[in-house]
């Protein structure tokens, strides 16, 4: 099974594809106030047939790494993103 992770900027979400089928995504909104750049992750979804395979964790880790590289801080409105960051403290510095 091949995995492809994408940042779909037009739909403001990060997506994960398994064998070219959309398996899940993480929605966000973003804003810039002066030097401050923020992404609010509001919803993470894994389609039922792909649950139990770490799909959500993969897409969130990709989203957090990409957001860090782009200079964004994070608001983890989505419970799953909040839980992921609590378990992976290396991303705690993004929350702000």
PDB file of N, CA and C in Angstrom:
ATOM      1  N   UNK A   1       0.845  -1.177   0.000  1.00  0.00           N
ATOM      2  CA  UNK A   1       0.000   0.000   0.000  1.00  0.00           C
ATOM      3  C   UNK A   1       0.890   1.240   0.000  1.00  0.00           C
ATOM      4  N   UNK A   2       0.642   2.143  -0.920  1.00  0.00           N
ATOM      5  CA  UNK A   2       1.413   3.381  -0.979  1.00  0.00           C
ATOM      6  C   UNK A   2       0.688   4.489  -0.223  1.00  0.00           C
ATOM      7  N   UNK A   3       1.471   5.339   0.407  1.00  0.00           N
ATOM      8  CA  UNK A   3       0.934   6.454   1.179  1.00  0.00           C
ATOM      9  C   UNK A   3       1.425   7.753   0.566  1.00  0.00           C
ATOM     10  N   UNK A   4       0.498   8.694   0.379  1.00  0.00           N
ATOM     11  CA  UNK A   4       0.852  10.012  -0.133  1.00  0.00           C
ATOM     12  C   UNK A   4       0.209  11.058   0.780  1.00  0.00           C
ATOM     13  N   UNK A   5       1.014  11.994   1.256  1.00  0.00           N
ATOM     14  CA  UNK A   5       0.551  13.089   2.100  1.00  0.00           C
ATOM     15  C   UNK A   5       0.635  14.382   1.310  1.00  0.00           C
ATOM     16  N   UNK A   6      -0.425  15.191   1.393  1.00  0.00           N
ATOM     17  CA  UNK A   6      -0.464  16.433   0.624  1.00  0.00           C
ATOM     18  C   UNK A   6      -1.024  17.571   1.459  1.00  0.00           C
ATOM     19  N   UNK A   7      -0.555  18.774   1.165  1.00  0.00           N
ATOM     20  CA  UNK A   7      -1.134  19.986   1.731  1.00  0.00           C
ATOM     21  C   UNK A   7      -2.031  20.575   0.651  1.00  0.00           C
ATOM     22  N   UNK A   8      -3.322  20.498   0.846  1.00  0.00           N
ATOM     23  CA  UNK A   8      -4.304  21.037  -0.091  1.00  0.00           C
ATOM     24  C   UNK A   8      -4.650  22.450   0.378  1.00  0.00           C
ATOM     25  N   UNK A   9      -3.883  23.407  -0.088  1.00  0.00           N
ATOM     26  CA  UNK A   9      -4.058  24.786   0.359  1.00  0.00           C
ATOM     27  C   UNK A   9      -5.389  25.366  -0.073  1.00  0.00           C
ATOM     28  N   UNK A  10      -5.886  24.992  -1.240  1.00  0.00           N
ATOM     29  CA  UNK A  10      -7.165  25.511  -1.731  1.00  0.00           C
ATOM     30  C   UNK A  10      -8.319  25.142  -0.803  1.00  0.00           C
ATOM     31  N   UNK A  11      -8.276  23.958  -0.212  1.00  0.00           N
ATOM     32  CA  UNK A  11      -9.322  23.502   0.703  1.00  0.00           C
ATOM     33  C   UNK A  11      -8.913  23.628   2.169  1.00  0.00           C
ATOM     34  N   UNK A  12      -7.789  24.280   2.436  1.00  0.00           N
ATOM     35  CA  UNK A  12      -7.223  24.464   3.780  1.00  0.00           C
ATOM     36  C   UNK A  12      -7.290  23.180   4.596  1.00  0.00           C
ATOM     37  N   UNK A  13      -6.623  22.169   4.065  1.00  0.00           N
ATOM     38  CA  UNK A  13      -6.547  20.908   4.788  1.00  0.00           C
ATOM     39  C   UNK A  13      -5.330  20.110   4.330  1.00  0.00           C
ATOM     40  N   UNK A  14      -4.907  19.220   5.209  1.00  0.00           N
ATOM     41  CA  UNK A  14      -3.862  18.253   4.909  1.00  0.00           C
ATOM     42  C   UNK A  14      -4.547  16.926   4.633  1.00  0.00           C
ATOM     43  N   UNK A  15      -4.084  16.231   3.611  1.00  0.00           N
ATOM     44  CA  UNK A  15      -4.748  14.998   3.181  1.00  0.00           C
ATOM     45  C   UNK A  15      -3.775  13.835   3.164  1.00  0.00           C
ATOM     46  N   UNK A  16      -4.332  12.646   3.376  1.00  0.00           N
ATOM     47  CA  UNK A  16      -3.556  11.418   3.270  1.00  0.00           C
ATOM     48  C   UNK A  16      -4.280  10.484   2.306  1.00  0.00           C
ATOM     49  N   UNK A  17      -3.523   9.965   1.365  1.00  0.00           N
ATOM     50  CA  UNK A  17      -4.037   9.032   0.370  1.00  0.00           C
ATOM     51  C   UNK A  17      -3.346   7.688   0.549  1.00  0.00           C
ATOM     52  N   UNK A  18      -4.116   6.638   0.528  1.00  0.00           N
ATOM     53  CA  UNK A  18      -3.586   5.274   0.528  1.00  0.00           C
ATOM     54  C   UNK A  18      -3.969   4.647  -0.800  1.00  0.00           C
ATOM     55  N   UNK A  19      -2.959   4.229  -1.553  1.00  0.00           N
ATOM     56  CA  UNK A  19      -3.186   3.701  -2.905  1.00  0.00           C
ATOM     57  C   UNK A  19      -4.084   4.631  -3.715  1.00  0.00           C
ATOM     58  N   UNK A  20      -3.773   5.926  -3.683  1.00  0.00           N
ATOM     59  CA  UNK A  20      -4.480   6.963  -4.444  1.00  0.00           C
ATOM     60  C   UNK A  20      -5.932   7.169  -4.050  1.00  0.00           C
ATOM     61  N   UNK A  21      -6.338   6.662  -2.889  1.00  0.00           N
ATOM     62  CA  UNK A  21      -7.684   6.890  -2.373  1.00  0.00           C
ATOM     63  C   UNK A  21      -7.581   7.764  -1.132  1.00  0.00           C
ATOM     64  N   UNK A  22      -8.368   8.843  -1.090  1.00  0.00           N
ATOM     65  CA  UNK A  22      -8.362   9.719   0.074  1.00  0.00           C
ATOM     66  C   UNK A  22      -8.796   8.924   1.292  1.00  0.00           C
ATOM     67  N   UNK A  23      -7.905   8.836   2.280  1.00  0.00           N
ATOM     68  CA  UNK A  23      -8.169   8.048   3.485  1.00  0.00           C
ATOM     69  C   UNK A  23      -8.538   8.923   4.677  1.00  0.00           C
ATOM     70  N   UNK A  24      -8.144  10.190   4.643  1.00  0.00           N
ATOM     71  CA  UNK A  24      -8.443  11.082   5.747  1.00  0.00           C
ATOM     72  C   UNK A  24      -7.851  12.456   5.510  1.00  0.00           C
ATOM     73  N   UNK A  25      -8.181  13.363   6.430  1.00  0.00           N
ATOM     74  CA  UNK A  25      -7.664  14.729   6.303  1.00  0.00           C
ATOM     75  C   UNK A  25      -7.767  15.465   7.635  1.00  0.00           C
ATOM     76  N   UNK A  26      -7.083  16.594   7.700  1.00  0.00           N
ATOM     77  CA  UNK A  26      -7.128  17.493   8.855  1.00  0.00           C
ATOM     78  C   UNK A  26      -7.409  18.901   8.337  1.00  0.00           C
ATOM     79  N   UNK A  27      -8.561  19.443   8.731  1.00  0.00           N
ATOM     80  CA  UNK A  27      -8.966  20.797   8.334  1.00  0.00           C
ATOM     81  C   UNK A  27      -8.353  21.834   9.257  1.00  0.00           C
ATOM     82  N   UNK A  28      -8.078  23.009   8.706  1.00  0.00           N
ATOM     83  CA  UNK A  28      -7.562  24.112   9.517  1.00  0.00           C
ATOM     84  C   UNK A  28      -8.031  25.437   8.946  1.00  0.00           C
ATOM     85  N   UNK A  29      -7.938  26.458   9.759  1.00  0.00           N
ATOM     86  CA  UNK A  29      -8.060  27.830   9.278  1.00  0.00           C
ATOM     87  C   UNK A  29      -6.756  28.512   9.676  1.00  0.00           C
ATOM     88  N   UNK A  30      -6.411  29.558   8.956  1.00  0.00           N
ATOM     89  CA  UNK A  30      -5.158  30.246   9.297  1.00  0.00           C
ATOM     90  C   UNK A  30      -5.338  31.741   9.164  1.00  0.00           C
ATOM     91  N   UNK A  31      -4.510  32.450   9.900  1.00  0.00           N
ATOM     92  CA  UNK A  31      -4.486  33.891   9.809  1.00  0.00           C
ATOM     93  C   UNK A  31      -3.095  34.398  10.148  1.00  0.00           C
ATOM     94  N   UNK A  32      -2.849  35.601   9.681  1.00  0.00           N
ATOM     95  CA  UNK A  32      -1.560  36.258   9.920  1.00  0.00           C
ATOM     96  C   UNK A  32      -1.847  37.630  10.506  1.00  0.00           C
ATOM     97  N   UNK A  33      -1.235  37.903  11.638  1.00  0.00           N
ATOM     98  CA  UNK A  33      -1.335  39.210  12.293  1.00  0.00           C
ATOM     99  C   UNK A  33       0.091  39.711  12.480  1.00  0.00           C
ATOM    100  N   UNK A  34       0.513  40.604  11.619  1.00  0.00           N
ATOM    101  CA  UNK A  34       1.893  41.077  11.665  1.00  0.00           C
ATOM    102  C   UNK A  34       2.844  39.928  11.419  1.00  0.00           C
ATOM    103  N   UNK A  35       3.703  39.677  12.399  1.00  0.00           N
ATOM    104  CA  UNK A  35       4.679  38.588  12.291  1.00  0.00           C
ATOM    105  C   UNK A  35       4.112  37.244  12.746  1.00  0.00           C
ATOM    106  N   UNK A  36       2.975  37.281  13.419  1.00  0.00           N
ATOM    107  CA  UNK A  36       2.382  36.062  13.994  1.00  0.00           C
ATOM    108  C   UNK A  36       1.553  35.320  12.939  1.00  0.00           C
ATOM    109  N   UNK A  37       1.893  34.057  12.737  1.00  0.00           N
ATOM    110  CA  UNK A  37       1.184  33.198  11.782  1.00  0.00           C
ATOM    111  C   UNK A  37       0.605  32.025  12.565  1.00  0.00           C
ATOM    112  N   UNK A  38      -0.695  31.807  12.426  1.00  0.00           N
ATOM    113  CA  UNK A  38      -1.375  30.801  13.236  1.00  0.00           C
ATOM    114  C   UNK A  38      -2.249  29.906  12.377  1.00  0.00           C
ATOM    115  N   UNK A  39      -2.237  28.619  12.698  1.00  0.00           N
ATOM    116  CA  UNK A  39      -3.158  27.651  12.094  1.00  0.00           C
ATOM    117  C   UNK A  39      -3.956  27.004  13.217  1.00  0.00           C
ATOM    118  N   UNK A  40      -5.258  27.023  13.054  1.00  0.00           N
ATOM    119  CA  UNK A  40      -6.172  26.403  14.012  1.00  0.00           C
ATOM    120  C   UNK A  40      -6.674  25.102  13.387  1.00  0.00           C
ATOM    121  N   UNK A  41      -6.216  23.980  13.919  1.00  0.00           N
ATOM    122  CA  UNK A  41      -6.665  22.677  13.423  1.00  0.00           C
ATOM    123  C   UNK A  41      -7.977  22.340  14.111  1.00  0.00           C
ATOM    124  N   UNK A  42      -9.051  22.284  13.319  1.00  0.00           N
ATOM    125  CA  UNK A  42     -10.398  22.179  13.848  1.00  0.00           C
ATOM    126  C   UNK A  42     -11.001  20.787  13.751  1.00  0.00           C
ATOM    127  N   UNK A  43     -10.543  19.992  12.816  1.00  0.00           N
ATOM    128  CA  UNK A  43     -11.199  18.698  12.602  1.00  0.00           C
ATOM    129  C   UNK A  43     -10.236  17.733  11.921  1.00  0.00           C
ATOM    130  N   UNK A  44     -10.204  16.514  12.426  1.00  0.00           N
ATOM    131  CA  UNK A  44      -9.437  15.438  11.795  1.00  0.00           C
ATOM    132  C   UNK A  44     -10.411  14.309  11.487  1.00  0.00           C
ATOM    133  N   UNK A  45     -10.342  13.795  10.271  1.00  0.00           N
ATOM    134  CA  UNK A  45     -11.257  12.737   9.860  1.00  0.00           C
ATOM    135  C   UNK A  45     -10.491  11.601   9.197  1.00  0.00           C
ATOM    136  N   UNK A  46     -10.819  10.384   9.587  1.00  0.00           N
ATOM    137  CA  UNK A  46     -10.342   9.187   8.900  1.00  0.00           C
ATOM    138  C   UNK A  46     -11.582   8.452   8.421  1.00  0.00           C
ATOM    139  N   UNK A  47     -11.637   8.135   7.151  1.00  0.00           N
ATOM    140  CA  UNK A  47     -12.784   7.411   6.626  1.00  0.00           C
ATOM    141  C   UNK A  47     -12.833   6.011   7.246  1.00  0.00           C
ATOM    142  N   UNK A  48     -14.047   5.518   7.518  1.00  0.00           N
ATOM    143  CA  UNK A  48     -14.204   4.269   8.281  1.00  0.00           C
ATOM    144  C   UNK A  48     -13.367   3.093   7.794  1.00  0.00           C
ATOM    145  N   UNK A  49     -13.260   2.908   6.518  1.00  0.00           N
ATOM    146  CA  UNK A  49     -12.522   1.746   6.008  1.00  0.00           C
ATOM    147  C   UNK A  49     -11.013   1.820   6.251  1.00  0.00           C
ATOM    148  N   UNK A  50     -10.517   3.002   6.687  1.00  0.00           N
ATOM    149  CA  UNK A  50      -9.083   3.168   6.931  1.00  0.00           C
ATOM    150  C   UNK A  50      -8.748   3.321   8.415  1.00  0.00           C
ATOM    151  N   UNK A  51      -9.751   3.256   9.275  1.00  0.00           N
ATOM    152  CA  UNK A  51      -9.510   3.433  10.711  1.00  0.00           C
ATOM    153  C   UNK A  51      -8.711   2.265  11.276  1.00  0.00           C
ATOM    154  N   UNK A  52      -7.926   2.569  12.306  1.00  0.00           N
ATOM    155  CA  UNK A  52      -7.137   1.544  12.973  1.00  0.00           C
ATOM    156  C   UNK A  52      -5.785   1.281  12.337  1.00  0.00           C
ATOM    157  N   UNK A  53      -5.371   2.138  11.403  1.00  0.00           N
ATOM    158  CA  UNK A  53      -4.095   1.951  10.704  1.00  0.00           C
ATOM    159  C   UNK A  53      -3.145   3.139  10.875  1.00  0.00           C
ATOM    160  N   UNK A  54      -3.439   4.015  11.835  1.00  0.00           N
ATOM    161  CA  UNK A  54      -2.559   5.149  12.096  1.00  0.00           C
ATOM    162  C   UNK A  54      -2.658   6.278  11.092  1.00  0.00           C
ATOM    163  N   UNK A  55      -3.735   6.319  10.332  1.00  0.00           N
ATOM    164  CA  UNK A  55      -3.912   7.333   9.294  1.00  0.00           C
ATOM    165  C   UNK A  55      -3.951   8.737   9.898  1.00  0.00           C
ATOM    166  N   UNK A  56      -4.746   8.927  10.942  1.00  0.00           N
ATOM    167  CA  UNK A  56      -4.864  10.257  11.557  1.00  0.00           C
ATOM    168  C   UNK A  56      -3.518  10.728  12.094  1.00  0.00           C
ATOM    169  N   UNK A  57      -2.794   9.843  12.740  1.00  0.00           N
ATOM    170  CA  UNK A  57      -1.482  10.219  13.287  1.00  0.00           C
ATOM    171  C   UNK A  57      -0.526  10.640  12.175  1.00  0.00           C
ATOM    172  N   UNK A  58      -0.550   9.935  11.065  1.00  0.00           N
ATOM    173  CA  UNK A  58       0.349  10.284   9.957  1.00  0.00           C
ATOM    174  C   UNK A  58       0.023  11.653   9.385  1.00  0.00           C
ATOM    175  N   UNK A  59      -1.256  11.932   9.176  1.00  0.00           N
ATOM    176  CA  UNK A  59      -1.616  13.219   8.578  1.00  0.00           C
ATOM    177  C   UNK A  59      -1.361  14.368   9.554  1.00  0.00           C
ATOM    178  N   UNK A  60      -1.595  14.151  10.844  1.00  0.00           N
ATOM    179  CA  UNK A  60      -1.335  15.209  11.821  1.00  0.00           C
ATOM    180  C   UNK A  60       0.160  15.471  11.962  1.00  0.00           C
ATOM    181  N   UNK A  61       0.958  14.438  12.009  1.00  0.00           N
ATOM    182  CA  UNK A  61       2.408  14.656  12.104  1.00  0.00           C
ATOM    183  C   UNK A  61       2.916  15.424  10.893  1.00  0.00           C
ATOM    184  N   UNK A  62       2.448  15.073   9.708  1.00  0.00           N
ATOM    185  CA  UNK A  62       2.824  15.781   8.487  1.00  0.00           C
ATOM    186  C   UNK A  62       2.392  17.252   8.572  1.00  0.00           C
ATOM    187  N   UNK A  63       1.162  17.492   9.026  1.00  0.00           N
ATOM    188  CA  UNK A  63       0.636  18.858   9.134  1.00  0.00           C
ATOM    189  C   UNK A  63       1.436  19.690  10.130  1.00  0.00           C
ATOM    190  N   UNK A  64       1.795  19.090  11.255  1.00  0.00           N
ATOM    191  CA  UNK A  64       2.557  19.832  12.264  1.00  0.00           C
ATOM    192  C   UNK A  64       3.970  20.140  11.786  1.00  0.00           C
ATOM    193  N   UNK A  65       4.614  19.179  11.150  1.00  0.00           N
ATOM    194  CA  UNK A  65       5.963  19.439  10.620  1.00  0.00           C
ATOM    195  C   UNK A  65       5.926  20.526   9.557  1.00  0.00           C
ATOM    196  N   UNK A  66       4.952  20.444   8.646  1.00  0.00           N
ATOM    197  CA  UNK A  66       4.835  21.431   7.590  1.00  0.00           C
ATOM    198  C   UNK A  66       4.520  22.815   8.154  1.00  0.00           C
ATOM    199  N   UNK A  67       3.648  22.865   9.153  1.00  0.00           N
ATOM    200  CA  UNK A  67       3.306  24.142   9.777  1.00  0.00           C
ATOM    201  C   UNK A  67       4.523  24.752  10.463  1.00  0.00           C
ATOM    202  N   UNK A  68       5.306  23.919  11.133  1.00  0.00           N
ATOM    203  CA  UNK A  68       6.536  24.404  11.774  1.00  0.00           C
ATOM    204  C   UNK A  68       7.483  24.990  10.730  1.00  0.00           C
ATOM    205  N   UNK A  69       7.702  24.257   9.649  1.00  0.00           N
ATOM    206  CA  UNK A  69       8.613  24.723   8.594  1.00  0.00           C
ATOM    207  C   UNK A  69       8.144  26.028   7.969  1.00  0.00           C
ATOM    208  N   UNK A  70       6.831  26.243   7.925  1.00  0.00           N
ATOM    209  CA  UNK A  70       6.275  27.462   7.342  1.00  0.00           C
ATOM    210  C   UNK A  70       6.173  28.600   8.359  1.00  0.00           C
ATOM    211  N   UNK A  71       6.563  28.347   9.618  1.00  0.00           N
ATOM    212  CA  UNK A  71       6.590  29.390  10.630  1.00  0.00           C
ATOM    213  C   UNK A  71       5.266  29.646  11.336  1.00  0.00           C
ATOM    214  N   UNK A  72       4.380  28.662  11.368  1.00  0.00           N
ATOM    215  CA  UNK A  72       3.079  28.818  12.017  1.00  0.00           C
ATOM    216  C   UNK A  72       3.096  28.279  13.442  1.00  0.00           C
ATOM    217  N   UNK A  73       2.346  28.941  14.314  1.00  0.00           N
ATOM    218  CA  UNK A  73       2.007  28.349  15.603  1.00  0.00           C
ATOM    219  C   UNK A  73       0.672  27.629  15.412  1.00  0.00           C
ATOM    220  N   UNK A  74       0.305  26.814  16.401  1.00  0.00           N
ATOM    221  CA  UNK A  74      -0.852  25.934  16.266  1.00  0.00           C
ATOM    222  C   UNK A  74      -1.851  26.179  17.394  1.00  0.00           C
ATOM    223  N   UNK A  75      -3.121  26.123  17.039  1.00  0.00           N
ATOM    224  CA  UNK A  75      -4.197  26.034  18.021  1.00  0.00           C
ATOM    225  C   UNK A  75      -4.847  24.671  17.799  1.00  0.00           C
ATOM    226  N   UNK A  76      -4.764  23.777  18.777  1.00  0.00           N
ATOM    227  CA  UNK A  76      -5.315  22.427  18.601  1.00  0.00           C
ATOM    228  C   UNK A  76      -6.785  22.342  19.037  1.00  0.00           C
ATOM    229  N   UNK A  77      -7.684  22.985  18.289  1.00  0.00           N
ATOM    230  CA  UNK A  77      -9.107  22.924  18.603  1.00  0.00           C
ATOM    231  C   UNK A  77      -9.624  21.493  18.492  1.00  0.00           C
ATOM    232  N   UNK A  78      -9.152  20.760  17.524  1.00  0.00           N
ATOM    233  CA  UNK A  78      -9.532  19.357  17.349  1.00  0.00           C
ATOM    234  C   UNK A  78      -8.971  18.525  18.501  1.00  0.00           C
ATOM    235  N   UNK A  79      -9.810  17.725  19.131  1.00  0.00           N
ATOM    236  CA  UNK A  79      -9.374  16.898  20.269  1.00  0.00           C
ATOM    237  C   UNK A  79      -8.256  15.947  19.874  1.00  0.00           C
ATOM    238  N   UNK A  80      -8.285  15.451  18.645  1.00  0.00           N
ATOM    239  CA  UNK A  80      -7.251  14.497  18.245  1.00  0.00           C
ATOM    240  C   UNK A  80      -5.893  15.183  18.130  1.00  0.00           C
ATOM    241  N   UNK A  81      -5.869  16.385  17.601  1.00  0.00           N
ATOM    242  CA  UNK A  81      -4.604  17.132  17.492  1.00  0.00           C
ATOM    243  C   UNK A  81      -4.066  17.435  18.886  1.00  0.00           C
ATOM    244  N   UNK A  82      -4.944  17.839  19.792  1.00  0.00           N
ATOM    245  CA  UNK A  82      -4.530  18.107  21.168  1.00  0.00           C
ATOM    246  C   UNK A  82      -3.938  16.850  21.812  1.00  0.00           C
ATOM    247  N   UNK A  83      -4.600  15.716  21.625  1.00  0.00           N
ATOM    248  CA  UNK A  83      -4.124  14.439  22.166  1.00  0.00           C
ATOM    249  C   UNK A  83      -2.787  14.033  21.533  1.00  0.00           C
ATOM    250  N   UNK A  84      -2.646  14.227  20.218  1.00  0.00           N
ATOM    251  CA  UNK A  84      -1.415  13.877  19.525  1.00  0.00           C
ATOM    252  C   UNK A  84      -0.243  14.679  20.092  1.00  0.00           C
ATOM    253  N   UNK A  85      -0.442  15.991  20.270  1.00  0.00           N
ATOM    254  CA  UNK A  85       0.624  16.849  20.793  1.00  0.00           C
ATOM    255  C   UNK A  85       0.962  16.462  22.231  1.00  0.00           C
ATOM    256  N   UNK A  86      -0.030  16.098  23.024  1.00  0.00           N
ATOM    257  CA  UNK A  86       0.228  15.675  24.407  1.00  0.00           C
ATOM    258  C   UNK A  86       1.095  14.420  24.442  1.00  0.00           C
ATOM    259  N   UNK A  87       0.938  13.548  23.466  1.00  0.00           N
ATOM    260  CA  UNK A  87       1.726  12.305  23.408  1.00  0.00           C
ATOM    261  C   UNK A  87       3.064  12.489  22.705  1.00  0.00           C
ATOM    262  N   UNK A  88       3.179  13.520  21.890  1.00  0.00           N
ATOM    263  CA  UNK A  88       4.402  13.788  21.127  1.00  0.00           C
ATOM    264  C   UNK A  88       4.873  15.197  21.486  1.00  0.00           C
ATOM    265  N   UNK A  89       5.507  15.288  22.639  1.00  0.00           N
ATOM    266  CA  UNK A  89       5.884  16.583  23.207  1.00  0.00           C
ATOM    267  C   UNK A  89       6.830  17.398  22.330  1.00  0.00           C
ATOM    268  N   UNK A  90       7.442  16.771  21.339  1.00  0.00           N
ATOM    269  CA  UNK A  90       8.322  17.517  20.443  1.00  0.00           C
ATOM    270  C   UNK A  90       7.561  18.564  19.629  1.00  0.00           C
ATOM    271  N   UNK A  91       6.221  18.501  19.637  1.00  0.00           N
ATOM    272  CA  UNK A  91       5.411  19.490  18.921  1.00  0.00           C
ATOM    273  C   UNK A  91       4.751  20.495  19.874  1.00  0.00           C
ATOM    274  N   UNK A  92       4.978  20.362  21.169  1.00  0.00           N
ATOM    275  CA  UNK A  92       4.343  21.232  22.164  1.00  0.00           C
ATOM    276  C   UNK A  92       4.711  22.694  21.971  1.00  0.00           C
ATOM    277  N   UNK A  93       5.915  22.958  21.473  1.00  0.00           N
ATOM    278  CA  UNK A  93       6.349  24.347  21.274  1.00  0.00           C
ATOM    279  C   UNK A  93       5.534  25.068  20.194  1.00  0.00           C
ATOM    280  N   UNK A  94       4.798  24.321  19.383  1.00  0.00           N
ATOM    281  CA  UNK A  94       3.987  24.938  18.323  1.00  0.00           C
ATOM    282  C   UNK A  94       2.706  25.578  18.869  1.00  0.00           C
ATOM    283  N   UNK A  95       2.243  25.088  20.005  1.00  0.00           N
ATOM    284  CA  UNK A  95       0.981  25.560  20.564  1.00  0.00           C
ATOM    285  C   UNK A  95       1.161  26.979  21.086  1.00  0.00           C
ATOM    286  N   UNK A  96       0.315  27.859  20.608  1.00  0.00           N
ATOM    287  CA  UNK A  96       0.470  29.238  21.076  1.00  0.00           C
ATOM    288  C   UNK A  96      -0.612  30.149  20.628  1.00  0.00           C
TER     289      UNK A  96
END
